[in-house]
């Protein structure tokens, strides 16, 4: 049976690419730090999509957070902010 890292009560909410990202930090003695990231994009309960990921164990909290943010960025990499597009519509 696989044990889950125990939550530390340490959580963080941030916005990346217009999506809400909730980070939950966990630690297991002798194994290291992990971060669970829950990504929620879209508006309203019916139109919002949600995806979660968990990092592998790292020696430090900062390294686990960095890996979680890298994975979130990869997942959201295809999202574009049309208000900041380099292409202009000339009428």
Protein backbone atom coordinates (compact mmCIF):
# COMPACT_ATOMS: atom_id res chain seq x y z
CA UNK A 1 0.00 0.00 0.00
CA UNK A 2 1.40 3.42 -1.01
CA UNK A 3 1.44 6.05 1.68
CA UNK A 4 0.54 9.64 0.83
CA UNK A 5 2.70 12.45 2.12
CA UNK A 6 1.02 14.08 5.07
CA UNK A 7 -0.33 17.57 4.38
CA UNK A 8 1.58 20.30 6.17
CA UNK A 9 -1.33 22.73 6.21
CA UNK A 10 0.70 24.87 3.86
CA UNK A 11 -1.29 25.98 0.81
CA UNK A 12 -1.00 28.69 -1.81
CA UNK A 13 -3.43 30.09 -4.41
CA UNK A 14 -2.05 31.76 -7.53
CA UNK A 15 -3.18 32.69 -11.05
CA UNK A 16 -1.29 31.41 -14.09
CA UNK A 17 -2.47 32.18 -17.61
CA UNK A 18 -5.88 33.25 -16.32
CA UNK A 19 -6.40 29.97 -14.46
CA UNK A 20 -6.67 29.46 -10.70
CA UNK A 21 -3.93 27.20 -9.36
CA UNK A 22 -4.14 25.80 -5.83
CA UNK A 23 -0.90 24.34 -4.43
CA UNK A 24 -0.91 22.00 -1.43
CA UNK A 25 2.42 21.04 0.11
CA UNK A 26 3.05 17.65 1.69
CA UNK A 27 5.99 16.06 3.45
CA UNK A 28 6.87 12.51 4.39
CA UNK A 29 9.77 11.83 6.73
CA UNK A 30 12.68 10.25 4.91
CA UNK A 31 11.10 10.74 1.49
CA UNK A 32 10.79 14.48 0.97
CA UNK A 33 8.44 17.21 -0.16
CA UNK A 34 5.67 16.93 -2.74
CA UNK A 35 3.24 19.47 -4.14
CA UNK A 36 -0.29 18.76 -5.35
CA UNK A 37 -1.47 21.34 -7.88
CA UNK A 38 -5.14 21.72 -8.79
CA UNK A 39 -5.72 23.83 -11.91
CA UNK A 40 -9.15 25.32 -12.57
CA UNK A 41 -9.82 27.20 -15.80
CA UNK A 42 -13.01 28.66 -17.20
CA UNK A 43 -15.94 30.51 -15.75
CA UNK A 44 -18.82 29.22 -13.72
CA UNK A 45 -19.28 25.73 -12.36
CA UNK A 46 -20.63 24.32 -15.63
CA UNK A 47 -17.91 25.67 -17.91
CA UNK A 48 -14.86 25.33 -15.69
CA UNK A 49 -12.36 22.55 -16.26
CA UNK A 50 -10.20 21.12 -13.50
CA UNK A 51 -7.05 19.04 -13.57
CA UNK A 52 -4.70 17.92 -10.80
CA UNK A 53 -1.11 16.75 -10.64
CA UNK A 54 1.31 15.65 -7.93
CA UNK A 55 5.07 16.01 -8.08
CA UNK A 56 7.54 13.34 -7.15
CA UNK A 57 9.33 13.77 -3.81
CA UNK A 58 12.08 16.41 -3.60
CA UNK A 59 14.64 17.24 -0.92
CA UNK A 60 13.28 20.76 -0.47
CA UNK A 61 9.88 22.45 -0.51
CA UNK A 62 11.18 25.00 -3.04
CA UNK A 63 12.32 22.31 -5.48
CA UNK A 64 8.93 20.57 -5.29
CA UNK A 65 7.13 23.88 -5.84
CA UNK A 66 9.36 24.69 -8.82
CA UNK A 67 8.58 21.31 -10.40
CA UNK A 68 4.83 21.77 -9.81
CA UNK A 69 4.91 25.20 -11.47
CA UNK A 70 6.88 23.80 -14.42
CA UNK A 71 4.27 21.07 -14.91
CA UNK A 72 1.41 23.56 -14.62
CA UNK A 73 3.10 25.83 -17.17
CA UNK A 74 3.47 22.90 -19.58
CA UNK A 75 -0.21 22.00 -19.21
CA UNK A 76 -1.27 25.61 -19.80
CA UNK A 77 1.33 26.25 -22.50
CA UNK A 78 -1.18 26.20 -25.32
CA UNK A 79 -3.45 28.79 -23.69
CA UNK A 80 -3.08 32.27 -25.12
CA UNK A 81 -4.15 35.60 -23.78
CA UNK A 82 -5.85 37.19 -26.76
CA UNK A 83 -5.79 40.64 -25.13
CA UNK A 84 -2.00 40.59 -25.39
CA UNK A 85 -1.67 39.03 -28.83
CA UNK A 86 1.17 40.30 -31.01
CA UNK A 87 -1.13 40.10 -34.03
CA UNK A 88 -3.25 43.22 -34.52
CA UNK A 89 -6.53 43.34 -36.33
CA UNK A 90 -6.48 46.35 -38.63
CA UNK A 91 -9.87 47.46 -39.85
